[in-house]
Amino acid sequence: MAQYTKRVQAVLTDEQYEMLSDLADETGKPVSQLVREAVEKVYLQKASEERRQAALEKLLSLDAPVADWQEMEDEIIRGGLE
């Protein structure tokens, strides 16, 4: 389980807090967990996907010699035995 060590303070309207508190009661989760899940879903997953996509694009842009899969697999297997 993750160990939470950083504290963040946010100021909500009364209506926002009441709705979040009601949702916490309905789901059985604390408000803090709902906020963490929202941050993860809205911001962190998107940033992670963007980084992975950029890495893939960089990898695909390399001018590396690539054969068909069967030839490459055979070469990998032979390399492990030599």
N, C-alpha and C. Protein backbone atom coordinates (compact mmCIF):
# COMPACT_ATOMS: atom_id res chain seq x y z
N MET A 1 0.84 -1.18 0.00
CA MET A 1 0.00 0.00 0.00
C MET A 1 0.88 1.24 0.00
N ALA A 2 0.43 2.26 -0.70
CA ALA A 2 1.21 3.50 -0.81
C ALA A 2 1.31 4.18 0.55
N GLN A 3 2.45 4.81 0.76
CA GLN A 3 2.64 5.57 1.99
C GLN A 3 2.54 7.04 1.63
N TYR A 4 1.56 7.71 2.19
CA TYR A 4 1.34 9.11 1.87
C TYR A 4 2.16 9.97 2.81
N THR A 5 3.05 10.79 2.23
CA THR A 5 3.95 11.59 3.04
C THR A 5 3.84 13.09 2.76
N LYS A 6 3.17 13.46 1.69
CA LYS A 6 3.05 14.88 1.33
C LYS A 6 1.62 15.35 1.55
N ARG A 7 1.50 16.51 2.13
CA ARG A 7 0.19 17.08 2.43
C ARG A 7 -0.08 18.22 1.45
N VAL A 8 -1.32 18.26 0.94
CA VAL A 8 -1.76 19.32 0.04
C VAL A 8 -3.02 19.92 0.62
N GLN A 9 -3.11 21.24 0.54
CA GLN A 9 -4.30 21.90 1.06
C GLN A 9 -5.07 22.51 -0.10
N ALA A 10 -6.36 22.27 -0.13
CA ALA A 10 -7.24 22.86 -1.14
C ALA A 10 -8.43 23.49 -0.44
N VAL A 11 -8.91 24.57 -0.99
CA VAL A 11 -10.05 25.25 -0.41
C VAL A 11 -11.24 25.03 -1.35
N LEU A 12 -12.33 24.51 -0.79
CA LEU A 12 -13.53 24.22 -1.56
C LEU A 12 -14.67 25.11 -1.10
N THR A 13 -15.65 25.27 -1.96
CA THR A 13 -16.87 25.97 -1.53
C THR A 13 -17.64 25.04 -0.60
N ASP A 14 -18.58 25.60 0.11
CA ASP A 14 -19.42 24.78 0.99
C ASP A 14 -20.14 23.71 0.17
N GLU A 15 -20.64 24.09 -0.99
CA GLU A 15 -21.37 23.14 -1.84
C GLU A 15 -20.45 22.02 -2.34
N GLN A 16 -19.24 22.37 -2.78
CA GLN A 16 -18.30 21.35 -3.24
C GLN A 16 -17.97 20.37 -2.12
N TYR A 17 -17.70 20.90 -0.94
CA TYR A 17 -17.35 20.03 0.18
C TYR A 17 -18.53 19.15 0.58
N GLU A 18 -19.72 19.71 0.59
CA GLU A 18 -20.91 18.93 0.97
C GLU A 18 -21.13 17.79 -0.02
N MET A 19 -21.00 18.07 -1.31
CA MET A 19 -21.18 17.03 -2.32
C MET A 19 -20.09 15.96 -2.19
N LEU A 20 -18.86 16.38 -1.97
CA LEU A 20 -17.76 15.44 -1.81
C LEU A 20 -17.94 14.60 -0.55
N SER A 21 -18.38 15.24 0.51
CA SER A 21 -18.62 14.53 1.76
C SER A 21 -19.75 13.50 1.60
N ASP A 22 -20.81 13.89 0.89
CA ASP A 22 -21.91 12.96 0.63
C ASP A 22 -21.42 11.77 -0.19
N LEU A 23 -20.61 12.03 -1.19
CA LEU A 23 -20.06 10.95 -2.02
C LEU A 23 -19.17 10.03 -1.18
N ALA A 24 -18.41 10.62 -0.29
CA ALA A 24 -17.56 9.82 0.59
C ALA A 24 -18.42 8.89 1.46
N ASP A 25 -19.51 9.42 1.97
CA ASP A 25 -20.42 8.58 2.78
C ASP A 25 -21.02 7.46 1.94
N GLU A 26 -21.42 7.78 0.71
CA GLU A 26 -22.04 6.79 -0.17
C GLU A 26 -21.07 5.67 -0.55
N THR A 27 -19.81 6.03 -0.76
CA THR A 27 -18.82 5.05 -1.23
C THR A 27 -18.08 4.38 -0.08
N GLY A 28 -18.19 4.94 1.11
CA GLY A 28 -17.45 4.39 2.24
C GLY A 28 -15.97 4.73 2.21
N LYS A 29 -15.61 5.72 1.41
CA LYS A 29 -14.22 6.15 1.30
C LYS A 29 -14.06 7.52 1.97
N PRO A 30 -12.91 7.78 2.54
CA PRO A 30 -12.68 9.12 3.10
C PRO A 30 -12.55 10.16 1.98
N VAL A 31 -12.85 11.39 2.30
CA VAL A 31 -12.74 12.49 1.34
C VAL A 31 -11.34 12.53 0.74
N SER A 32 -10.32 12.34 1.58
CA SER A 32 -8.94 12.40 1.09
C SER A 32 -8.69 11.36 0.00
N GLN A 33 -9.27 10.17 0.13
CA GLN A 33 -9.09 9.14 -0.89
C GLN A 33 -9.78 9.53 -2.19
N LEU A 34 -10.97 10.10 -2.09
CA LEU A 34 -11.66 10.56 -3.29
C LEU A 34 -10.84 11.62 -4.03
N VAL A 35 -10.24 12.52 -3.27
CA VAL A 35 -9.41 13.57 -3.89
C VAL A 35 -8.19 12.95 -4.56
N ARG A 36 -7.51 12.01 -3.89
CA ARG A 36 -6.35 11.35 -4.49
C ARG A 36 -6.73 10.62 -5.77
N GLU A 37 -7.86 9.90 -5.74
CA GLU A 37 -8.31 9.18 -6.92
C GLU A 37 -8.61 10.13 -8.07
N ALA A 38 -9.22 11.26 -7.77
CA ALA A 38 -9.53 12.25 -8.81
C ALA A 38 -8.26 12.82 -9.42
N VAL A 39 -7.28 13.15 -8.58
CA VAL A 39 -6.01 13.68 -9.08
C VAL A 39 -5.34 12.65 -9.98
N GLU A 40 -5.33 11.40 -9.54
CA GLU A 40 -4.72 10.32 -10.33
C GLU A 40 -5.40 10.19 -11.69
N LYS A 41 -6.71 10.14 -11.68
CA LYS A 41 -7.46 9.91 -12.91
C LYS A 41 -7.39 11.10 -13.86
N VAL A 42 -7.55 12.29 -13.35
CA VAL A 42 -7.64 13.47 -14.22
C VAL A 42 -6.28 13.96 -14.69
N TYR A 43 -5.29 13.94 -13.82
CA TYR A 43 -4.00 14.54 -14.18
C TYR A 43 -2.87 13.55 -14.36
N LEU A 44 -2.68 12.65 -13.42
CA LEU A 44 -1.48 11.81 -13.43
C LEU A 44 -1.54 10.72 -14.50
N GLN A 45 -2.69 10.08 -14.70
CA GLN A 45 -2.79 9.07 -15.75
C GLN A 45 -2.55 9.68 -17.12
N LYS A 46 -3.10 10.86 -17.37
CA LYS A 46 -2.91 11.53 -18.65
C LYS A 46 -1.43 11.86 -18.88
N ALA A 47 -0.78 12.38 -17.86
CA ALA A 47 0.64 12.72 -17.99
C ALA A 47 1.47 11.47 -18.24
N SER A 48 1.15 10.38 -17.56
CA SER A 48 1.87 9.13 -17.75
C SER A 48 1.67 8.59 -19.16
N GLU A 49 0.43 8.64 -19.65
CA GLU A 49 0.15 8.19 -21.01
C GLU A 49 0.89 9.04 -22.03
N GLU A 50 0.95 10.34 -21.81
CA GLU A 50 1.66 11.24 -22.73
C GLU A 50 3.16 10.93 -22.75
N ARG A 51 3.74 10.63 -21.58
CA ARG A 51 5.16 10.28 -21.53
C ARG A 51 5.43 8.97 -22.26
N ARG A 52 4.55 7.98 -22.06
CA ARG A 52 4.72 6.70 -22.76
C ARG A 52 4.58 6.87 -24.27
N GLN A 53 3.62 7.69 -24.69
CA GLN A 53 3.43 7.94 -26.11
C GLN A 53 4.65 8.62 -26.71
N ALA A 54 5.21 9.59 -26.02
CA ALA A 54 6.41 10.27 -26.49
C ALA A 54 7.58 9.30 -26.60
N ALA A 55 7.72 8.41 -25.62
CA ALA A 55 8.80 7.42 -25.66
C ALA A 55 8.61 6.48 -26.84
N LEU A 56 7.38 6.06 -27.08
CA LEU A 56 7.09 5.18 -28.21
C LEU A 56 7.41 5.87 -29.53
N GLU A 57 7.00 7.12 -29.66
CA GLU A 57 7.28 7.87 -30.89
C GLU A 57 8.78 8.01 -31.10
N LYS A 58 9.52 8.26 -30.03
CA LYS A 58 10.97 8.37 -30.14
C LYS A 58 11.59 7.04 -30.56
N LEU A 59 11.11 5.97 -29.98
CA LEU A 59 11.60 4.64 -30.32
C LEU A 59 11.30 4.30 -31.78
N LEU A 60 10.09 4.60 -32.21
CA LEU A 60 9.71 4.31 -33.59
C LEU A 60 10.44 5.17 -34.60
N SER A 61 10.94 6.33 -34.18
CA SER A 61 11.64 7.22 -35.11
C SER A 61 13.10 6.81 -35.32
N LEU A 62 13.59 5.84 -34.51
CA LEU A 62 14.97 5.38 -34.67
C LEU A 62 15.12 4.65 -36.00
N ASP A 63 16.25 4.85 -36.63
CA ASP A 63 16.53 4.18 -37.89
C ASP A 63 17.28 2.89 -37.58
N ALA A 64 16.61 1.98 -36.89
CA ALA A 64 17.24 0.73 -36.47
C ALA A 64 16.92 -0.37 -37.48
N PRO A 65 17.89 -1.24 -37.72
CA PRO A 65 17.62 -2.34 -38.65
C PRO A 65 16.67 -3.34 -37.99
N VAL A 66 15.54 -3.56 -38.61
CA VAL A 66 14.54 -4.45 -38.06
C VAL A 66 14.12 -5.43 -39.14
N ALA A 67 14.17 -6.69 -38.80
CA ALA A 67 13.72 -7.73 -39.73
C ALA A 67 12.31 -8.15 -39.35
N ASP A 68 11.79 -9.16 -40.04
CA ASP A 68 10.47 -9.64 -39.64
C ASP A 68 10.60 -10.37 -38.29
N TRP A 69 9.48 -10.55 -37.61
CA TRP A 69 9.50 -11.05 -36.25
C TRP A 69 10.17 -12.42 -36.15
N GLN A 70 9.86 -13.35 -37.06
CA GLN A 70 10.41 -14.70 -36.95
C GLN A 70 11.94 -14.66 -37.05
N GLU A 71 12.46 -13.86 -37.95
CA GLU A 71 13.92 -13.74 -38.10
C GLU A 71 14.54 -13.14 -36.83
N MET A 72 13.89 -12.13 -36.28
CA MET A 72 14.42 -11.51 -35.06
C MET A 72 14.37 -12.49 -33.89
N GLU A 73 13.27 -13.24 -33.78
CA GLU A 73 13.14 -14.21 -32.69
C GLU A 73 14.21 -15.27 -32.79
N ASP A 74 14.47 -15.78 -34.01
CA ASP A 74 15.51 -16.78 -34.22
C ASP A 74 16.88 -16.22 -33.82
N GLU A 75 17.12 -14.97 -34.16
CA GLU A 75 18.40 -14.33 -33.82
C GLU A 75 18.55 -14.18 -32.30
N ILE A 76 17.46 -13.84 -31.63
CA ILE A 76 17.51 -13.72 -30.17
C ILE A 76 17.81 -15.06 -29.54
N ILE A 77 17.13 -16.09 -30.01
CA ILE A 77 17.35 -17.43 -29.47
C ILE A 77 18.78 -17.90 -29.71
N ARG A 78 19.27 -17.69 -30.91
CA ARG A 78 20.67 -18.08 -31.21
C ARG A 78 21.65 -17.31 -30.35
N GLY A 79 21.37 -16.03 -30.11
CA GLY A 79 22.26 -15.19 -29.31
C GLY A 79 22.36 -15.68 -27.88
N GLY A 80 21.28 -16.25 -27.36
CA GLY A 80 21.28 -16.76 -26.01
C GLY A 80 22.05 -18.07 -25.87
N LEU A 81 22.27 -18.74 -26.99
CA LEU A 81 22.95 -20.03 -26.94
C LEU A 81 24.42 -19.94 -27.32
N GLU A 82 24.82 -18.86 -27.90
CA GLU A 82 26.21 -18.75 -28.36
C GLU A 82 27.12 -18.23 -27.28
